[in-house]
Amino acid sequence: MTPTPELLHGVLPVLHTPFTDDFSIDVPTLEREIDWAFETGADGVVCAMVSETLRLGYHGRRELATRVCHAAQGRGFVVISVGAESSAEAREFAQHAESLGASAVMAIPPVATSLGSAATTEYFATIARSISIPLVVQDASNYVGASIDLSVYQSLLEEFGEQHIFFKPEASPLGPNLSKLRDATNGKARIFEGSGGINLVDCFRRGIVGTMPGTDLLDGIVALWRALQDSDEARIYELSLSISALVYLQIQGGLDGFLSIEKHLLKARGLFPNTLQIPPCGWQPDPETLAEVDRLFALLQRILAR
């Protein structure tokens, strides 16, 4: 009998894509980032919004998925973002990810088209029907696209079941929306949070099965996740307050805020040789912001060393 695959769970950091000066993917640095993630305690890795998925283009997305699946193979879960402006392209990205051995795919709705609930449901269903691995339905409306109606989640869960459809709701207010989804599905929905850590404590208490933070603060997030599992209240707030202060500085710049500050921290760790982002970029931190980031990061490292 073939064993049932382990269901997606735990700390799954979203990888940043390192680039060379000509904006080719810096493969050795990407592999080093993946190695560090698993060494730090990640349960898997993810390619998603802060991987610059929407800016990589068709060939770049396929190359990134290939590189990540190859480098991470056998060490944990791999989730590949496959959302696209057409159902056909999203389906193609999903089938490509499955052929590479990905554990699951994740998708946001199209961002250039405003869809109603029925069309949004059909878009996600088209992806889910094309593959045998799970689909994580992502609402990234805090920084791109429109929010997803609760009825979409319920319809997908009813058709495909809780082993094949997972959820990553990110629309504000995150905690109450998460609880509505949990309660509307009688606790069946398997939910991830993706706030970078700023809402992790609240969401954990509402029943999430995992978190998808950036890679930059992974050591802090792993420690916080373990403290939450152990109900170590003092450690929970010691870690979460410093993490939240850092993430707040990222949030103010939207998606580019996360990208720029997280790459700054990956360079500070010695993991990345530069902080290159695919242009155009809508926001960059000024020197005073980066100085505060550095102070808060040093504080977090001191807390982790205790």
Protein backbone atom coordinates (compact mmCIF):
# COMPACT_ATOMS: atom_id res chain seq x y z
CA MET A 1 0.00 0.00 0.00
CA THR A 2 1.34 3.45 -0.93
CA PRO A 3 1.66 5.64 2.19
CA THR A 4 -0.46 8.80 2.34
CA PRO A 5 1.74 11.88 1.79
CA GLU A 6 2.26 14.05 4.83
CA LEU A 7 -0.03 17.07 4.79
CA LEU A 8 1.57 20.48 4.36
CA HIS A 9 2.32 22.14 7.72
CA GLY A 10 4.81 24.06 9.82
CA VAL A 11 7.23 26.87 9.03
CA LEU A 12 7.57 27.27 5.26
CA PRO A 13 9.65 30.36 4.42
CA VAL A 14 9.16 32.15 1.12
CA LEU A 15 12.49 32.28 -0.69
CA HIS A 16 13.94 35.48 -2.09
CA THR A 17 15.38 35.23 -5.56
CA PRO A 18 19.03 36.35 -5.71
CA PHE A 19 20.26 37.93 -8.94
CA THR A 20 23.53 38.55 -10.70
CA ASP A 21 24.27 41.98 -12.18
CA ASP A 22 22.43 41.08 -15.41
CA PHE A 23 19.38 39.89 -13.41
CA SER A 24 19.96 36.22 -14.10
CA ILE A 25 19.09 33.95 -11.18
CA ASP A 26 22.17 33.56 -8.96
CA VAL A 27 21.95 29.80 -8.58
CA PRO A 28 24.78 29.22 -6.04
CA THR A 29 23.29 31.90 -3.75
CA LEU A 30 19.79 30.44 -4.14
CA GLU A 31 21.11 27.01 -3.18
CA ARG A 32 22.89 28.51 -0.17
CA GLU A 33 19.63 30.20 0.91
CA ILE A 34 17.77 26.87 0.69
CA ASP A 35 20.49 25.06 2.63
CA TRP A 36 20.34 27.73 5.36
CA ALA A 37 16.55 27.50 5.55
CA PHE A 38 16.62 23.78 6.25
CA GLU A 39 19.57 24.09 8.63
CA THR A 40 17.62 26.73 10.55
CA GLY A 41 14.62 24.46 11.05
CA ALA A 42 12.27 25.13 8.14
CA ASP A 43 9.75 22.40 7.30
CA GLY A 44 9.94 23.35 3.64
CA VAL A 45 10.40 26.26 1.24
CA VAL A 46 8.07 28.31 -0.92
CA CYS A 47 8.28 30.37 -4.12
CA ALA A 48 5.72 33.17 -3.92
CA MET A 49 5.24 36.95 -3.99
CA VAL A 50 8.52 37.97 -2.32
CA SER A 51 10.32 35.60 -4.69
CA GLU A 52 9.45 38.30 -7.27
CA THR A 53 7.24 35.79 -9.05
CA LEU A 54 5.15 38.44 -10.81
CA ARG A 55 8.28 40.10 -12.26
CA LEU A 56 10.27 37.04 -13.30
CA GLY A 57 8.28 36.34 -16.47
CA TYR A 58 7.31 32.98 -17.93
CA HIS A 59 10.79 31.52 -18.42
CA GLY A 60 12.16 32.95 -15.18
CA ARG A 61 9.32 31.42 -13.17
CA ARG A 62 9.89 28.00 -14.71
CA GLU A 63 13.63 28.23 -14.08
CA LEU A 64 13.14 29.27 -10.45
CA ALA A 65 10.70 26.40 -9.84
CA THR A 66 13.14 23.95 -11.40
CA ARG A 67 16.13 25.20 -9.38
CA VAL A 68 14.22 25.21 -6.08
CA CYS A 69 12.66 21.77 -6.49
CA HIS A 70 16.03 20.28 -7.44
CA ALA A 71 17.91 21.93 -4.56
CA ALA A 72 15.31 21.14 -1.88
CA GLN A 73 14.45 17.61 -2.94
CA GLY A 74 14.03 15.16 -0.07
CA ARG A 75 14.54 17.70 2.72
CA GLY A 76 11.02 19.04 3.20
CA PHE A 77 7.98 20.49 1.50
CA VAL A 78 8.29 22.58 -1.65
CA VAL A 79 5.44 24.94 -2.63
CA ILE A 80 5.51 26.73 -5.99
CA SER A 81 3.42 29.81 -6.78
CA VAL A 82 1.49 29.30 -10.04
CA GLY A 83 -1.04 32.14 -10.15
CA ALA A 84 -1.32 33.81 -13.56
CA GLU A 85 -3.51 36.13 -15.60
CA SER A 86 -5.02 33.23 -17.54
CA SER A 87 -6.33 29.89 -16.30
CA ALA A 88 -4.38 28.12 -19.05
CA GLU A 89 -1.03 29.56 -17.97
CA ALA A 90 -1.76 28.91 -14.29
CA ARG A 91 -2.60 25.32 -15.16
CA GLU A 92 0.63 24.99 -17.13
CA PHE A 93 2.72 26.36 -14.24
CA ALA A 94 0.96 23.94 -11.85
CA GLN A 95 1.57 20.90 -14.02
CA HIS A 96 5.20 21.92 -14.44
CA ALA A 97 5.61 22.21 -10.65
CA GLU A 98 4.08 18.78 -10.12
CA SER A 99 6.39 17.26 -12.75
CA LEU A 100 9.36 18.64 -10.77
CA GLY A 101 8.23 16.90 -7.58
CA ALA A 102 6.70 19.92 -5.78
CA SER A 103 4.66 19.07 -2.69
CA ALA A 104 1.96 21.64 -3.48
CA VAL A 105 1.25 24.69 -5.57
CA MET A 106 -0.09 28.06 -4.46
CA ALA A 107 -2.05 30.61 -6.49
CA ILE A 108 -3.42 34.12 -6.21
CA PRO A 109 -6.30 35.20 -8.48
CA PRO A 110 -5.53 37.22 -11.62
CA VAL A 111 -4.58 40.79 -10.71
CA ALA A 112 -5.52 42.56 -13.96
CA THR A 113 -9.11 41.29 -14.07
CA SER A 114 -11.83 41.84 -11.49
CA LEU A 115 -13.62 38.50 -11.07
CA GLY A 116 -16.82 37.63 -9.28
CA SER A 117 -17.04 34.70 -6.89
CA ALA A 118 -18.14 32.18 -9.54
CA ALA A 119 -15.30 33.06 -11.92
CA THR A 120 -12.76 33.08 -9.09
CA THR A 121 -13.92 29.65 -7.95
CA GLU A 122 -13.67 28.27 -11.49
CA TYR A 123 -10.16 29.71 -11.89
CA PHE A 124 -8.91 27.90 -8.78
CA ALA A 125 -10.87 24.74 -9.65
CA THR A 126 -9.23 24.67 -13.09
CA ILE A 127 -5.82 24.59 -11.42
CA ALA A 128 -6.85 21.98 -8.83
CA ARG A 129 -8.37 19.65 -11.44
CA SER A 130 -5.16 19.68 -13.48
CA ILE A 131 -2.89 18.25 -10.76
CA SER A 132 -2.87 15.58 -8.08
CA ILE A 133 -0.90 17.60 -5.49
CA PRO A 134 -2.62 20.13 -3.18
CA LEU A 135 -3.42 23.74 -4.06
CA VAL A 136 -2.97 26.57 -1.56
CA VAL A 137 -5.51 29.30 -2.33
CA GLN A 138 -3.83 32.63 -1.54
CA ASP A 139 -5.55 35.94 -0.92
CA ALA A 140 -2.71 38.46 -1.30
CA SER A 141 -5.05 41.46 -1.45
CA ASN A 142 -3.10 43.38 1.18
CA TYR A 143 -0.64 44.22 -1.60
CA VAL A 144 -1.93 42.82 -4.94
CA GLY A 145 -5.30 41.91 -6.40
CA ALA A 146 -8.73 41.75 -4.78
CA SER A 147 -9.92 39.89 -1.71
CA ILE A 148 -11.50 36.44 -2.07
CA ASP A 149 -15.06 35.92 -0.88
CA LEU A 150 -15.64 33.30 1.80
CA SER A 151 -17.99 31.41 -0.53
CA VAL A 152 -15.06 30.67 -2.86
CA TYR A 153 -13.19 28.86 -0.09
CA GLN A 154 -16.28 26.90 0.89
CA SER A 155 -17.02 25.80 -2.68
CA LEU A 156 -13.44 24.64 -3.29
CA LEU A 157 -13.29 22.75 -0.01
CA GLU A 158 -16.58 21.03 -0.79
CA GLU A 159 -15.41 19.93 -4.24
CA PHE A 160 -11.81 18.93 -3.50
CA GLY A 161 -11.63 18.23 0.26
CA GLU A 162 -9.29 19.39 3.01
CA GLN A 163 -6.38 17.22 1.85
CA HIS A 164 -6.24 18.94 -1.55
CA ILE A 165 -7.23 22.56 -0.86
CA PHE A 166 -5.38 24.67 1.72
CA PHE A 167 -5.83 28.38 2.37
CA LYS A 168 -3.67 31.42 2.94
CA PRO A 169 -5.99 34.36 3.69
CA GLU A 170 -4.21 37.71 3.97
CA ALA A 171 -7.01 40.30 3.69
CA SER A 172 -7.43 42.61 6.68
CA PRO A 173 -8.51 42.11 9.39
CA LEU A 174 -6.51 38.90 9.19
CA GLY A 175 -7.41 37.27 12.52
CA PRO A 176 -11.20 37.71 12.30
CA ASN A 177 -11.21 36.65 8.63
CA LEU A 178 -9.24 33.55 9.52
CA SER A 179 -11.72 32.66 12.25
CA LYS A 180 -14.66 33.17 9.88
CA LEU A 181 -13.08 30.74 7.43
CA ARG A 182 -12.35 28.24 10.18
CA ASP A 183 -15.88 28.41 11.58
CA ALA A 184 -17.63 28.39 8.19
CA THR A 185 -15.83 25.15 7.29
CA ASN A 186 -16.43 23.53 10.71
CA GLY A 187 -12.70 23.55 11.40
CA LYS A 188 -11.86 21.56 8.26
CA ALA A 189 -9.95 24.33 6.48
CA ARG A 190 -6.18 23.92 6.75
CA ILE A 191 -4.98 27.52 7.00
CA PHE A 192 -1.56 29.17 6.71
CA GLU A 193 -0.75 32.73 7.68
CA GLY A 194 1.62 34.93 5.73
CA SER A 195 2.00 38.18 7.63
CA GLY A 196 5.78 37.93 7.96
CA GLY A 197 5.31 37.18 11.66
CA ILE A 198 3.43 40.28 12.79
CA ASN A 199 0.14 38.36 13.18
CA LEU A 200 1.61 34.94 13.90
CA VAL A 201 0.73 34.75 17.59
CA ASP A 202 -2.89 35.76 17.04
CA CYS A 203 -3.28 33.41 14.07
CA PHE A 204 -1.69 30.48 15.88
CA ARG A 205 -4.28 30.81 18.63
CA ARG A 206 -7.00 30.68 15.95
CA GLY A 207 -5.85 27.28 14.68
CA ILE A 208 -3.47 27.68 11.73
CA VAL A 209 -1.46 24.66 10.59
CA GLY A 210 1.55 26.68 9.48
CA THR A 211 3.15 29.97 8.53
CA MET A 212 4.84 31.28 5.38
CA PRO A 213 7.15 34.13 6.45
CA GLY A 214 10.05 35.65 4.55
CA THR A 215 13.39 33.90 4.82
CA ASP A 216 15.12 36.92 6.37
CA LEU A 217 13.80 36.39 9.94
CA LEU A 218 13.51 32.60 9.74
CA ASP A 219 15.54 31.87 12.87
CA GLY A 220 13.22 34.13 14.87
CA ILE A 221 10.07 32.66 13.32
CA VAL A 222 11.19 29.06 13.96
CA ALA A 223 11.92 29.94 17.59
CA LEU A 224 8.55 31.69 17.91
CA TRP A 225 6.68 28.75 16.33
CA ARG A 226 8.30 26.37 18.79
CA ALA A 227 7.49 28.67 21.72
CA LEU A 228 3.86 28.74 20.59
CA GLN A 229 3.77 24.95 20.38
CA ASP A 230 5.25 24.78 23.90
CA SER A 231 2.89 27.50 25.27
CA ASP A 232 5.95 29.38 26.54
CA GLU A 233 4.18 32.71 27.02
CA ALA A 234 7.22 34.70 28.14
CA ARG A 235 9.29 33.53 25.18
CA ILE A 236 6.37 34.05 22.79
CA TYR A 237 6.10 37.75 23.51
CA GLU A 238 9.82 38.33 23.86
CA LEU A 239 10.25 37.08 20.30
CA SER A 240 7.04 38.32 18.71
CA LEU A 241 7.39 41.94 19.80
CA SER A 242 10.84 42.32 18.26
CA ILE A 243 9.79 40.47 15.09
CA SER A 244 6.66 42.60 14.79
CA ALA A 245 8.64 45.83 15.08
CA LEU A 246 10.81 44.73 12.15
CA VAL A 247 7.88 43.58 10.03
CA TYR A 248 6.07 46.85 10.65
CA LEU A 249 8.90 48.68 8.91
CA GLN A 250 8.53 46.31 5.94
CA ILE A 251 4.74 46.67 5.69
CA GLN A 252 4.90 50.44 5.18
CA GLY A 253 6.41 49.89 1.73
CA GLY A 254 3.96 47.21 0.59
CA LEU A 255 5.38 44.32 -1.42
CA ASP A 256 8.50 46.33 -2.29
CA GLY A 257 8.94 47.11 1.41
CA PHE A 258 9.15 43.41 2.18
CA LEU A 259 11.45 42.80 -0.78
CA SER A 260 13.92 45.58 -0.09
CA ILE A 261 14.26 45.17 3.68
CA GLU A 262 14.28 41.37 3.59
CA LYS A 263 17.04 41.36 0.97
CA HIS A 264 18.93 43.91 3.07
CA LEU A 265 18.81 41.47 6.00
CA LEU A 266 19.81 38.49 3.87
CA LYS A 267 22.86 40.47 2.76
CA ALA A 268 23.57 41.41 6.39
CA ARG A 269 23.51 37.70 7.26
CA GLY A 270 26.10 37.02 4.57
CA LEU A 271 23.68 34.89 2.55
CA PHE A 272 23.22 37.32 -0.36
CA PRO A 273 25.99 39.29 -2.09
CA ASN A 274 23.63 42.13 -3.06
CA THR A 275 20.07 43.43 -2.67
CA LEU A 276 19.10 43.55 -6.35
CA GLN A 277 15.36 43.58 -7.16
CA ILE A 278 13.83 43.35 -10.62
CA PRO A 279 12.85 46.89 -11.65
CA PRO A 280 10.70 48.87 -11.59
CA CYS A 281 10.47 49.10 -7.80
CA GLY A 282 7.96 51.34 -6.10
CA TRP A 283 9.69 51.85 -2.74
CA GLN A 284 13.14 51.76 -1.23
CA PRO A 285 14.02 52.35 2.45
CA ASP A 286 15.95 55.48 3.33
CA PRO A 287 19.14 55.32 5.45
CA GLU A 288 17.29 56.08 8.68
CA THR A 289 14.84 53.23 8.10
CA LEU A 290 17.70 50.83 7.44
CA ALA A 291 19.48 52.00 10.59
CA GLU A 292 16.38 51.15 12.63
CA VAL A 293 16.09 47.79 10.85
CA ASP A 294 19.69 47.03 11.80
CA ARG A 295 19.11 47.95 15.44
CA LEU A 296 15.99 45.78 15.68
CA PHE A 297 17.72 42.90 13.90
CA ALA A 298 20.61 43.06 16.38
CA LEU A 299 18.09 43.02 19.23
CA LEU A 300 16.40 39.92 17.80
CA GLN A 301 19.75 38.15 17.50
CA ARG A 302 20.50 38.91 21.16
CA ILE A 303 17.11 37.50 22.18
CA LEU A 304 17.70 34.35 20.15
CA ALA A 305 21.09 33.87 21.80
CA ARG A 306 19.55 33.69 25.29
